[in-house]
mmCIF file of all heavy atoms, coordinates in Angstrom:
data_MODEL
# 
_entry.id   MODEL 
# 
loop_
_atom_site.group_PDB 
_atom_site.id 
_atom_site.type_symbol 
_atom_site.label_atom_id 
_atom_site.label_alt_id 
_atom_site.label_comp_id 
_atom_site.label_asym_id 
_atom_site.label_entity_id 
_atom_site.label_seq_id 
_atom_site.pdbx_PDB_ins_code 
_atom_site.Cartn_x 
_atom_site.Cartn_y 
_atom_site.Cartn_z 
_atom_site.occupancy 
_atom_site.B_iso_or_equiv 
_atom_site.pdbx_formal_charge 
_atom_site.auth_seq_id 
_atom_site.auth_comp_id 
_atom_site.auth_asym_id 
_atom_site.auth_atom_id 
_atom_site.pdbx_PDB_model_num 
ATOM 1   N N   . MET A 1 1  ? -16.618 -27.859 81.746 1.00 0.00 ? 1  MET A N   1 
ATOM 2   C CA  . MET A 1 1  ? -15.301 -27.343 82.220 1.00 0.00 ? 1  MET A CA  1 
ATOM 3   C C   . MET A 1 1  ? -15.484 -26.367 83.354 1.00 0.00 ? 1  MET A C   1 
ATOM 4   O O   . MET A 1 1  ? -14.721 -26.346 84.345 1.00 0.00 ? 1  MET A O   1 
ATOM 5   C CB  . MET A 1 1  ? -14.593 -26.654 81.030 1.00 0.00 ? 1  MET A CB  1 
ATOM 6   C CG  . MET A 1 1  ? -14.149 -27.595 79.903 1.00 0.00 ? 1  MET A CG  1 
ATOM 7   S SD  . MET A 1 1  ? -13.135 -28.944 80.501 1.00 0.00 ? 1  MET A SD  1 
ATOM 8   C CE  . MET A 1 1  ? -11.752 -28.153 81.221 1.00 0.00 ? 1  MET A CE  1 
ATOM 9   N N   . ASP A 1 2  ? -16.548 -25.566 83.261 1.00 0.00 ? 2  ASP A N   1 
ATOM 10  C CA  . ASP A 1 2  ? -16.805 -24.604 84.407 1.00 0.00 ? 2  ASP A CA  1 
ATOM 11  C C   . ASP A 1 2  ? -17.147 -25.396 85.624 1.00 0.00 ? 2  ASP A C   1 
ATOM 12  O O   . ASP A 1 2  ? -16.736 -24.998 86.758 1.00 0.00 ? 2  ASP A O   1 
ATOM 13  C CB  . ASP A 1 2  ? -17.984 -23.696 83.991 1.00 0.00 ? 2  ASP A CB  1 
ATOM 14  C CG  . ASP A 1 2  ? -17.655 -22.726 82.961 1.00 0.00 ? 2  ASP A CG  1 
ATOM 15  O OD1 . ASP A 1 2  ? -16.429 -22.533 82.715 1.00 0.00 ? 2  ASP A OD1 1 
ATOM 16  O OD2 . ASP A 1 2  ? -18.602 -22.184 82.228 1.00 0.00 ? 2  ASP A OD2 1 
ATOM 17  N N   . GLN A 1 3  ? -17.837 -26.518 85.606 1.00 0.00 ? 3  GLN A N   1 
ATOM 18  C CA  . GLN A 1 3  ? -18.200 -27.278 86.717 1.00 0.00 ? 3  GLN A CA  1 
ATOM 19  C C   . GLN A 1 3  ? -16.926 -27.939 87.342 1.00 0.00 ? 3  GLN A C   1 
ATOM 20  O O   . GLN A 1 3  ? -16.775 -28.012 88.527 1.00 0.00 ? 3  GLN A O   1 
ATOM 21  C CB  . GLN A 1 3  ? -19.211 -28.337 86.376 1.00 0.00 ? 3  GLN A CB  1 
ATOM 22  C CG  . GLN A 1 3  ? -20.620 -27.783 86.047 1.00 0.00 ? 3  GLN A CG  1 
ATOM 23  C CD  . GLN A 1 3  ? -21.352 -27.170 87.154 1.00 0.00 ? 3  GLN A CD  1 
ATOM 24  O OE1 . GLN A 1 3  ? -21.205 -27.645 88.344 1.00 0.00 ? 3  GLN A OE1 1 
ATOM 25  N NE2 . GLN A 1 3  ? -22.106 -26.171 86.946 1.00 0.00 ? 3  GLN A NE2 1 
ATOM 26  N N   . GLU A 1 4  ? -16.114 -28.506 86.454 1.00 0.00 ? 4  GLU A N   1 
ATOM 27  C CA  . GLU A 1 4  ? -14.997 -29.243 86.931 1.00 0.00 ? 4  GLU A CA  1 
ATOM 28  C C   . GLU A 1 4  ? -13.912 -28.275 87.533 1.00 0.00 ? 4  GLU A C   1 
ATOM 29  O O   . GLU A 1 4  ? -13.017 -28.729 88.346 1.00 0.00 ? 4  GLU A O   1 
ATOM 30  C CB  . GLU A 1 4  ? -14.306 -30.029 85.788 1.00 0.00 ? 4  GLU A CB  1 
ATOM 31  C CG  . GLU A 1 4  ? -15.120 -31.233 85.324 1.00 0.00 ? 4  GLU A CG  1 
ATOM 32  C CD  . GLU A 1 4  ? -15.249 -32.197 86.457 1.00 0.00 ? 4  GLU A CD  1 
ATOM 33  O OE1 . GLU A 1 4  ? -14.218 -32.593 87.077 1.00 0.00 ? 4  GLU A OE1 1 
ATOM 34  O OE2 . GLU A 1 4  ? -16.367 -32.745 86.678 1.00 0.00 ? 4  GLU A OE2 1 
ATOM 35  N N   . CYS A 1 5  ? -13.855 -27.003 87.168 1.00 0.00 ? 5  CYS A N   1 
ATOM 36  C CA  . CYS A 1 5  ? -12.882 -26.058 87.663 1.00 0.00 ? 5  CYS A CA  1 
ATOM 37  C C   . CYS A 1 5  ? -13.411 -25.238 88.818 1.00 0.00 ? 5  CYS A C   1 
ATOM 38  O O   . CYS A 1 5  ? -12.700 -24.277 89.177 1.00 0.00 ? 5  CYS A O   1 
ATOM 39  C CB  . CYS A 1 5  ? -12.424 -25.150 86.487 1.00 0.00 ? 5  CYS A CB  1 
ATOM 40  S SG  . CYS A 1 5  ? -11.565 -26.010 85.193 1.00 0.00 ? 5  CYS A SG  1 
ATOM 41  N N   . ARG A 1 6  ? -14.500 -25.567 89.405 1.00 0.00 ? 6  ARG A N   1 
ATOM 42  C CA  . ARG A 1 6  ? -14.987 -24.899 90.570 1.00 0.00 ? 6  ARG A CA  1 
ATOM 43  C C   . ARG A 1 6  ? -14.126 -25.025 91.811 1.00 0.00 ? 6  ARG A C   1 
ATOM 44  O O   . ARG A 1 6  ? -14.136 -24.156 92.721 1.00 0.00 ? 6  ARG A O   1 
ATOM 45  C CB  . ARG A 1 6  ? -16.386 -25.346 90.954 1.00 0.00 ? 6  ARG A CB  1 
ATOM 46  C CG  . ARG A 1 6  ? -17.454 -24.919 89.893 1.00 0.00 ? 6  ARG A CG  1 
ATOM 47  C CD  . ARG A 1 6  ? -18.803 -25.379 90.383 1.00 0.00 ? 6  ARG A CD  1 
ATOM 48  N NE  . ARG A 1 6  ? -18.863 -26.805 90.610 1.00 0.00 ? 6  ARG A NE  1 
ATOM 49  C CZ  . ARG A 1 6  ? -19.978 -27.455 91.049 1.00 0.00 ? 6  ARG A CZ  1 
ATOM 50  N NH1 . ARG A 1 6  ? -21.003 -26.799 91.467 1.00 0.00 ? 6  ARG A NH1 1 
ATOM 51  N NH2 . ARG A 1 6  ? -19.953 -28.804 91.216 1.00 0.00 ? 6  ARG A NH2 1 
ATOM 52  N N   . SER A 1 7  ? -13.262 -26.027 91.818 1.00 0.00 ? 7  SER A N   1 
ATOM 53  C CA  . SER A 1 7  ? -12.368 -26.267 92.983 1.00 0.00 ? 7  SER A CA  1 
ATOM 54  C C   . SER A 1 7  ? -11.082 -25.551 92.839 1.00 0.00 ? 7  SER A C   1 
ATOM 55  O O   . SER A 1 7  ? -10.227 -25.584 93.756 1.00 0.00 ? 7  SER A O   1 
ATOM 56  C CB  . SER A 1 7  ? -12.149 -27.747 93.151 1.00 0.00 ? 7  SER A CB  1 
ATOM 57  O OG  . SER A 1 7  ? -11.456 -28.276 92.003 1.00 0.00 ? 7  SER A OG  1 
ATOM 58  N N   . ALA A 1 8  ? -10.824 -24.858 91.740 1.00 0.00 ? 8  ALA A N   1 
ATOM 59  C CA  . ALA A 1 8  ? -9.556  -24.150 91.558 1.00 0.00 ? 8  ALA A CA  1 
ATOM 60  C C   . ALA A 1 8  ? -9.217  -23.042 92.534 1.00 0.00 ? 8  ALA A C   1 
ATOM 61  O O   . ALA A 1 8  ? -8.101  -22.973 93.021 1.00 0.00 ? 8  ALA A O   1 
ATOM 62  C CB  . ALA A 1 8  ? -9.532  -23.492 90.158 1.00 0.00 ? 8  ALA A CB  1 
ATOM 63  N N   . PRO A 1 9  ? -10.237 -22.303 93.032 1.00 0.00 ? 9  PRO A N   1 
ATOM 64  C CA  . PRO A 1 9  ? -9.905  -21.332 94.103 1.00 0.00 ? 9  PRO A CA  1 
ATOM 65  C C   . PRO A 1 9  ? -9.357  -21.970 95.388 1.00 0.00 ? 9  PRO A C   1 
ATOM 66  O O   . PRO A 1 9  ? -8.484  -21.463 96.026 1.00 0.00 ? 9  PRO A O   1 
ATOM 67  C CB  . PRO A 1 9  ? -11.257 -20.656 94.314 1.00 0.00 ? 9  PRO A CB  1 
ATOM 68  C CG  . PRO A 1 9  ? -12.016 -20.785 93.092 1.00 0.00 ? 9  PRO A CG  1 
ATOM 69  C CD  . PRO A 1 9  ? -11.643 -22.137 92.532 1.00 0.00 ? 9  PRO A CD  1 
ATOM 70  N N   . ALA A 1 10 ? -9.946  -23.096 95.734 1.00 0.00 ? 10 ALA A N   1 
ATOM 71  C CA  . ALA A 1 10 ? -9.491  -23.789 96.929 1.00 0.00 ? 10 ALA A CA  1 
ATOM 72  C C   . ALA A 1 10 ? -8.157  -24.438 96.754 1.00 0.00 ? 10 ALA A C   1 
ATOM 73  O O   . ALA A 1 10 ? -7.345  -24.630 97.691 1.00 0.00 ? 10 ALA A O   1 
ATOM 74  C CB  . ALA A 1 10 ? -10.539 -24.760 97.514 1.00 0.00 ? 10 ALA A CB  1 
ATOM 75  N N   . ARG A 1 11 ? -7.907  -24.878 95.451 1.00 0.00 ? 11 ARG A N   1 
ATOM 76  C CA  . ARG A 1 11 ? -6.684  -25.617 95.165 1.00 0.00 ? 11 ARG A CA  1 
ATOM 77  C C   . ARG A 1 11 ? -5.516  -24.630 95.050 1.00 0.00 ? 11 ARG A C   1 
ATOM 78  O O   . ARG A 1 11 ? -4.412  -24.772 95.717 1.00 0.00 ? 11 ARG A O   1 
ATOM 79  C CB  . ARG A 1 11 ? -6.775  -26.357 93.901 1.00 0.00 ? 11 ARG A CB  1 
ATOM 80  C CG  . ARG A 1 11 ? -7.673  -27.576 93.947 1.00 0.00 ? 11 ARG A CG  1 
ATOM 81  C CD  . ARG A 1 11 ? -7.901  -28.115 92.563 1.00 0.00 ? 11 ARG A CD  1 
ATOM 82  N NE  . ARG A 1 11 ? -8.552  -29.406 92.528 1.00 0.00 ? 11 ARG A NE  1 
ATOM 83  C CZ  . ARG A 1 11 ? -8.019  -30.553 92.327 1.00 0.00 ? 11 ARG A CZ  1 
ATOM 84  N NH1 . ARG A 1 11 ? -6.726  -30.669 92.150 1.00 0.00 ? 11 ARG A NH1 1 
ATOM 85  N NH2 . ARG A 1 11 ? -8.717  -31.646 92.322 1.00 0.00 ? 11 ARG A NH2 1 
ATOM 86  N N   . TYR A 1 12 ? -5.672  -23.645 94.171 1.00 0.00 ? 12 TYR A N   1 
ATOM 87  C CA  . TYR A 1 12 ? -4.545  -22.761 93.799 1.00 0.00 ? 12 TYR A CA  1 
ATOM 88  C C   . TYR A 1 12 ? -4.798  -21.262 94.003 1.00 0.00 ? 12 TYR A C   1 
ATOM 89  O O   . TYR A 1 12 ? -3.919  -20.441 93.779 1.00 0.00 ? 12 TYR A O   1 
ATOM 90  C CB  . TYR A 1 12 ? -4.319  -22.964 92.225 1.00 0.00 ? 12 TYR A CB  1 
ATOM 91  C CG  . TYR A 1 12 ? -4.258  -24.391 91.801 1.00 0.00 ? 12 TYR A CG  1 
ATOM 92  C CD1 . TYR A 1 12 ? -5.274  -24.891 90.983 1.00 0.00 ? 12 TYR A CD1 1 
ATOM 93  C CD2 . TYR A 1 12 ? -3.339  -25.287 92.254 1.00 0.00 ? 12 TYR A CD2 1 
ATOM 94  C CE1 . TYR A 1 12 ? -5.251  -26.224 90.553 1.00 0.00 ? 12 TYR A CE1 1 
ATOM 95  C CE2 . TYR A 1 12 ? -3.408  -26.570 91.903 1.00 0.00 ? 12 TYR A CE2 1 
ATOM 96  C CZ  . TYR A 1 12 ? -4.313  -27.081 91.023 1.00 0.00 ? 12 TYR A CZ  1 
ATOM 97  O OH  . TYR A 1 12 ? -4.319  -28.370 90.628 1.00 0.00 ? 12 TYR A OH  1 
ATOM 98  N N   . GLY A 1 13 ? -5.914  -20.874 94.579 1.00 0.00 ? 13 GLY A N   1 
ATOM 99  C CA  . GLY A 1 13 ? -6.104  -19.425 94.795 1.00 0.00 ? 13 GLY A CA  1 
ATOM 100 C C   . GLY A 1 13 ? -6.497  -18.641 93.556 1.00 0.00 ? 13 GLY A C   1 
ATOM 101 O O   . GLY A 1 13 ? -6.354  -17.470 93.513 1.00 0.00 ? 13 GLY A O   1 
ATOM 102 N N   . VAL A 1 14 ? -6.943  -19.393 92.502 1.00 0.00 ? 14 VAL A N   1 
ATOM 103 C CA  . VAL A 1 14 ? -7.270  -18.755 91.185 1.00 0.00 ? 14 VAL A CA  1 
ATOM 104 C C   . VAL A 1 14 ? -8.660  -19.143 90.828 1.00 0.00 ? 14 VAL A C   1 
ATOM 105 O O   . VAL A 1 14 ? -9.043  -20.323 90.870 1.00 0.00 ? 14 VAL A O   1 
ATOM 106 C CB  . VAL A 1 14 ? -6.298  -19.162 90.069 1.00 0.00 ? 14 VAL A CB  1 
ATOM 107 C CG1 . VAL A 1 14 ? -6.682  -18.512 88.787 1.00 0.00 ? 14 VAL A CG1 1 
ATOM 108 C CG2 . VAL A 1 14 ? -4.914  -18.738 90.495 1.00 0.00 ? 14 VAL A CG2 1 
ATOM 109 N N   . THR A 1 15 ? -9.538  -18.178 90.537 1.00 0.00 ? 15 THR A N   1 
ATOM 110 C CA  . THR A 1 15 ? -10.897 -18.448 90.159 1.00 0.00 ? 15 THR A CA  1 
ATOM 111 C C   . THR A 1 15 ? -11.072 -18.403 88.682 1.00 0.00 ? 15 THR A C   1 
ATOM 112 O O   . THR A 1 15 ? -10.679 -17.351 88.033 1.00 0.00 ? 15 THR A O   1 
ATOM 113 C CB  . THR A 1 15 ? -11.786 -17.447 90.856 1.00 0.00 ? 15 THR A CB  1 
ATOM 114 O OG1 . THR A 1 15 ? -11.746 -17.460 92.242 1.00 0.00 ? 15 THR A OG1 1 
ATOM 115 C CG2 . THR A 1 15 ? -13.347 -17.681 90.400 1.00 0.00 ? 15 THR A CG2 1 
ATOM 116 N N   . LEU A 1 16 ? -11.552 -19.419 88.086 1.00 0.00 ? 16 LEU A N   1 
ATOM 117 C CA  . LEU A 1 16 ? -11.841 -19.520 86.619 1.00 0.00 ? 16 LEU A CA  1 
ATOM 118 C C   . LEU A 1 16 ? -13.271 -18.929 86.429 1.00 0.00 ? 16 LEU A C   1 
ATOM 119 O O   . LEU A 1 16 ? -14.219 -19.707 86.705 1.00 0.00 ? 16 LEU A O   1 
ATOM 120 C CB  . LEU A 1 16 ? -11.635 -20.876 86.059 1.00 0.00 ? 16 LEU A CB  1 
ATOM 121 C CG  . LEU A 1 16 ? -10.249 -21.421 86.122 1.00 0.00 ? 16 LEU A CG  1 
ATOM 122 C CD1 . LEU A 1 16 ? -10.180 -22.861 85.644 1.00 0.00 ? 16 LEU A CD1 1 
ATOM 123 C CD2 . LEU A 1 16 ? -9.292  -20.539 85.279 1.00 0.00 ? 16 LEU A CD2 1 
ATOM 124 N N   . ASP A 1 17 ? -13.388 -17.713 85.961 1.00 0.00 ? 17 ASP A N   1 
ATOM 125 C CA  . ASP A 1 17 ? -14.703 -17.156 85.786 1.00 0.00 ? 17 ASP A CA  1 
ATOM 126 C C   . ASP A 1 17 ? -15.498 -17.884 84.606 1.00 0.00 ? 17 ASP A C   1 
ATOM 127 O O   . ASP A 1 17 ? -16.666 -18.060 84.689 1.00 0.00 ? 17 ASP A O   1 
ATOM 128 C CB  . ASP A 1 17 ? -14.580 -15.653 85.452 1.00 0.00 ? 17 ASP A CB  1 
ATOM 129 C CG  . ASP A 1 17 ? -14.297 -14.878 86.696 1.00 0.00 ? 17 ASP A CG  1 
ATOM 130 O OD1 . ASP A 1 17 ? -14.539 -15.466 87.719 1.00 0.00 ? 17 ASP A OD1 1 
ATOM 131 O OD2 . ASP A 1 17 ? -13.776 -13.735 86.541 1.00 0.00 ? 17 ASP A OD2 1 
ATOM 132 N N   . ALA A 1 18 ? -14.819 -18.205 83.568 1.00 0.00 ? 18 ALA A N   1 
ATOM 133 C CA  . ALA A 1 18 ? -15.452 -18.820 82.445 1.00 0.00 ? 18 ALA A CA  1 
ATOM 134 C C   . ALA A 1 18 ? -14.363 -19.403 81.485 1.00 0.00 ? 18 ALA A C   1 
ATOM 135 O O   . ALA A 1 18 ? -13.238 -18.908 81.387 1.00 0.00 ? 18 ALA A O   1 
ATOM 136 C CB  . ALA A 1 18 ? -16.311 -17.866 81.654 1.00 0.00 ? 18 ALA A CB  1 
ATOM 137 N N   . SER A 1 19 ? -14.781 -20.508 80.762 1.00 0.00 ? 19 SER A N   1 
ATOM 138 C CA  . SER A 1 19 ? -13.966 -21.040 79.771 1.00 0.00 ? 19 SER A CA  1 
ATOM 139 C C   . SER A 1 19 ? -14.782 -21.003 78.464 1.00 0.00 ? 19 SER A C   1 
ATOM 140 O O   . SER A 1 19 ? -15.946 -21.408 78.544 1.00 0.00 ? 19 SER A O   1 
ATOM 141 C CB  . SER A 1 19 ? -13.537 -22.505 80.067 1.00 0.00 ? 19 SER A CB  1 
ATOM 142 O OG  . SER A 1 19 ? -14.658 -23.242 80.292 1.00 0.00 ? 19 SER A OG  1 
ATOM 143 N N   . LEU A 1 20 ? -14.205 -20.555 77.425 1.00 0.00 ? 20 LEU A N   1 
ATOM 144 C CA  . LEU A 1 20 ? -14.899 -20.382 76.166 1.00 0.00 ? 20 LEU A CA  1 
ATOM 145 C C   . LEU A 1 20 ? -14.172 -21.122 74.999 1.00 0.00 ? 20 LEU A C   1 
ATOM 146 O O   . LEU A 1 20 ? -13.111 -20.585 74.544 1.00 0.00 ? 20 LEU A O   1 
ATOM 147 C CB  . LEU A 1 20 ? -15.079 -18.884 75.857 1.00 0.00 ? 20 LEU A CB  1 
ATOM 148 C CG  . LEU A 1 20 ? -15.930 -18.621 74.538 1.00 0.00 ? 20 LEU A CG  1 
ATOM 149 C CD1 . LEU A 1 20 ? -17.296 -19.136 74.652 1.00 0.00 ? 20 LEU A CD1 1 
ATOM 150 C CD2 . LEU A 1 20 ? -15.925 -17.114 74.272 1.00 0.00 ? 20 LEU A CD2 1 
ATOM 151 N N   . ILE A 1 21 ? -14.535 -22.294 74.727 1.00 0.00 ? 21 ILE A N   1 
ATOM 152 C CA  . ILE A 1 21 ? -13.948 -23.102 73.667 1.00 0.00 ? 21 ILE A CA  1 
ATOM 153 C C   . ILE A 1 21 ? -14.721 -22.724 72.453 1.00 0.00 ? 21 ILE A C   1 
ATOM 154 O O   . ILE A 1 21 ? -15.854 -22.867 72.272 1.00 0.00 ? 21 ILE A O   1 
ATOM 155 C CB  . ILE A 1 21 ? -14.046 -24.595 73.904 1.00 0.00 ? 21 ILE A CB  1 
ATOM 156 C CG1 . ILE A 1 21 ? -13.429 -24.973 75.268 1.00 0.00 ? 21 ILE A CG1 1 
ATOM 157 C CG2 . ILE A 1 21 ? -13.526 -25.407 72.764 1.00 0.00 ? 21 ILE A CG2 1 
ATOM 158 C CD1 . ILE A 1 21 ? -13.569 -26.389 75.691 1.00 0.00 ? 21 ILE A CD1 1 
ATOM 159 N N   . THR A 1 22 ? -13.943 -22.024 71.490 1.00 0.00 ? 22 THR A N   1 
ATOM 160 C CA  . THR A 1 22 ? -14.607 -21.496 70.266 1.00 0.00 ? 22 THR A CA  1 
ATOM 161 C C   . THR A 1 22 ? -14.508 -22.286 69.031 1.00 0.00 ? 22 THR A C   1 
ATOM 162 O O   . THR A 1 22 ? -15.265 -22.168 68.122 1.00 0.00 ? 22 THR A O   1 
ATOM 163 C CB  . THR A 1 22 ? -14.035 -20.044 70.078 1.00 0.00 ? 22 THR A CB  1 
ATOM 164 O OG1 . THR A 1 22 ? -12.591 -20.210 69.893 1.00 0.00 ? 22 THR A OG1 1 
ATOM 165 C CG2 . THR A 1 22 ? -14.333 -19.145 71.187 1.00 0.00 ? 22 THR A CG2 1 
ATOM 166 N N   . GLY A 1 23 ? -13.527 -23.210 68.942 1.00 0.00 ? 23 GLY A N   1 
ATOM 167 C CA  . GLY A 1 23 ? -13.268 -23.928 67.704 1.00 0.00 ? 23 GLY A CA  1 
ATOM 168 C C   . GLY A 1 23 ? -12.637 -25.295 67.958 1.00 0.00 ? 23 GLY A C   1 
ATOM 169 O O   . GLY A 1 23 ? -11.900 -25.503 68.866 1.00 0.00 ? 23 GLY A O   1 
ATOM 170 N N   . ILE A 1 24 ? -13.106 -26.201 67.084 1.00 0.00 ? 24 ILE A N   1 
ATOM 171 C CA  . ILE A 1 24 ? -12.583 -27.577 67.138 1.00 0.00 ? 24 ILE A CA  1 
ATOM 172 C C   . ILE A 1 24 ? -12.219 -27.910 65.686 1.00 0.00 ? 24 ILE A C   1 
ATOM 173 O O   . ILE A 1 24 ? -13.187 -28.044 64.862 1.00 0.00 ? 24 ILE A O   1 
ATOM 174 C CB  . ILE A 1 24 ? -13.532 -28.624 67.672 1.00 0.00 ? 24 ILE A CB  1 
ATOM 175 C CG1 . ILE A 1 24 ? -13.891 -28.232 69.189 1.00 0.00 ? 24 ILE A CG1 1 
ATOM 176 C CG2 . ILE A 1 24 ? -13.015 -30.005 67.597 1.00 0.00 ? 24 ILE A CG2 1 
ATOM 177 C CD1 . ILE A 1 24 ? -14.872 -29.185 69.834 1.00 0.00 ? 24 ILE A CD1 1 
ATOM 178 N N   . ASP A 1 25 ? -10.990 -28.027 65.388 1.00 0.00 ? 25 ASP A N   1 
ATOM 179 C CA  . ASP A 1 25 ? -10.507 -28.251 63.987 1.00 0.00 ? 25 ASP A CA  1 
ATOM 180 C C   . ASP A 1 25 ? -9.972  -29.696 63.878 1.00 0.00 ? 25 ASP A C   1 
ATOM 181 O O   . ASP A 1 25 ? -8.960  -30.060 64.497 1.00 0.00 ? 25 ASP A O   1 
ATOM 182 C CB  . ASP A 1 25 ? -9.427  -27.270 63.632 1.00 0.00 ? 25 ASP A CB  1 
ATOM 183 C CG  . ASP A 1 25 ? -9.920  -25.806 63.822 1.00 0.00 ? 25 ASP A CG  1 
ATOM 184 O OD1 . ASP A 1 25 ? -11.064 -25.555 63.454 1.00 0.00 ? 25 ASP A OD1 1 
ATOM 185 O OD2 . ASP A 1 25 ? -9.012  -25.044 64.286 1.00 0.00 ? 25 ASP A OD2 1 
ATOM 186 N N   . PRO A 1 26 ? -10.655 -30.478 62.969 1.00 0.00 ? 26 PRO A N   1 
ATOM 187 C CA  . PRO A 1 26 ? -10.113 -31.824 62.716 1.00 0.00 ? 26 PRO A CA  1 
ATOM 188 C C   . PRO A 1 26 ? -8.930  -31.848 61.834 1.00 0.00 ? 26 PRO A C   1 
ATOM 189 O O   . PRO A 1 26 ? -8.648  -30.782 61.202 1.00 0.00 ? 26 PRO A O   1 
ATOM 190 C CB  . PRO A 1 26 ? -11.268 -32.549 62.070 1.00 0.00 ? 26 PRO A CB  1 
ATOM 191 C CG  . PRO A 1 26 ? -11.957 -31.373 61.315 1.00 0.00 ? 26 PRO A CG  1 
ATOM 192 C CD  . PRO A 1 26 ? -11.811 -30.149 62.143 1.00 0.00 ? 26 PRO A CD  1 
ATOM 193 N N   . PRO A 1 27 ? -8.219  -32.920 61.690 1.00 0.00 ? 27 PRO A N   1 
ATOM 194 C CA  . PRO A 1 27 ? -7.123  -33.064 60.789 1.00 0.00 ? 27 PRO A CA  1 
ATOM 195 C C   . PRO A 1 27 ? -7.592  -32.823 59.323 1.00 0.00 ? 27 PRO A C   1 
ATOM 196 O O   . PRO A 1 27 ? -8.708  -33.131 59.011 1.00 0.00 ? 27 PRO A O   1 
ATOM 197 C CB  . PRO A 1 27 ? -6.619  -34.450 60.957 1.00 0.00 ? 27 PRO A CB  1 
ATOM 198 C CG  . PRO A 1 27 ? -7.087  -34.862 62.359 1.00 0.00 ? 27 PRO A CG  1 
ATOM 199 C CD  . PRO A 1 27 ? -8.424  -34.191 62.498 1.00 0.00 ? 27 PRO A CD  1 
ATOM 200 N N   . PRO A 1 28 ? -6.733  -32.188 58.454 1.00 0.00 ? 28 PRO A N   1 
ATOM 201 C CA  . PRO A 1 28 ? -7.149  -31.938 57.112 1.00 0.00 ? 28 PRO A CA  1 
ATOM 202 C C   . PRO A 1 28 ? -7.588  -33.176 56.336 1.00 0.00 ? 28 PRO A C   1 
ATOM 203 O O   . PRO A 1 28 ? -8.550  -33.170 55.515 1.00 0.00 ? 28 PRO A O   1 
ATOM 204 C CB  . PRO A 1 28 ? -5.914  -31.280 56.459 1.00 0.00 ? 28 PRO A CB  1 
ATOM 205 C CG  . PRO A 1 28 ? -5.146  -30.780 57.660 1.00 0.00 ? 28 PRO A CG  1 
ATOM 206 C CD  . PRO A 1 28 ? -5.394  -31.696 58.773 1.00 0.00 ? 28 PRO A CD  1 
# 
């Protein structure tokens, strides 16, 4: 996700410093 969002500053003027996905919950 960090690699894919490197173009965000040139696209939208917003820099994504980091994305932290902490949990993946399956259906019960």
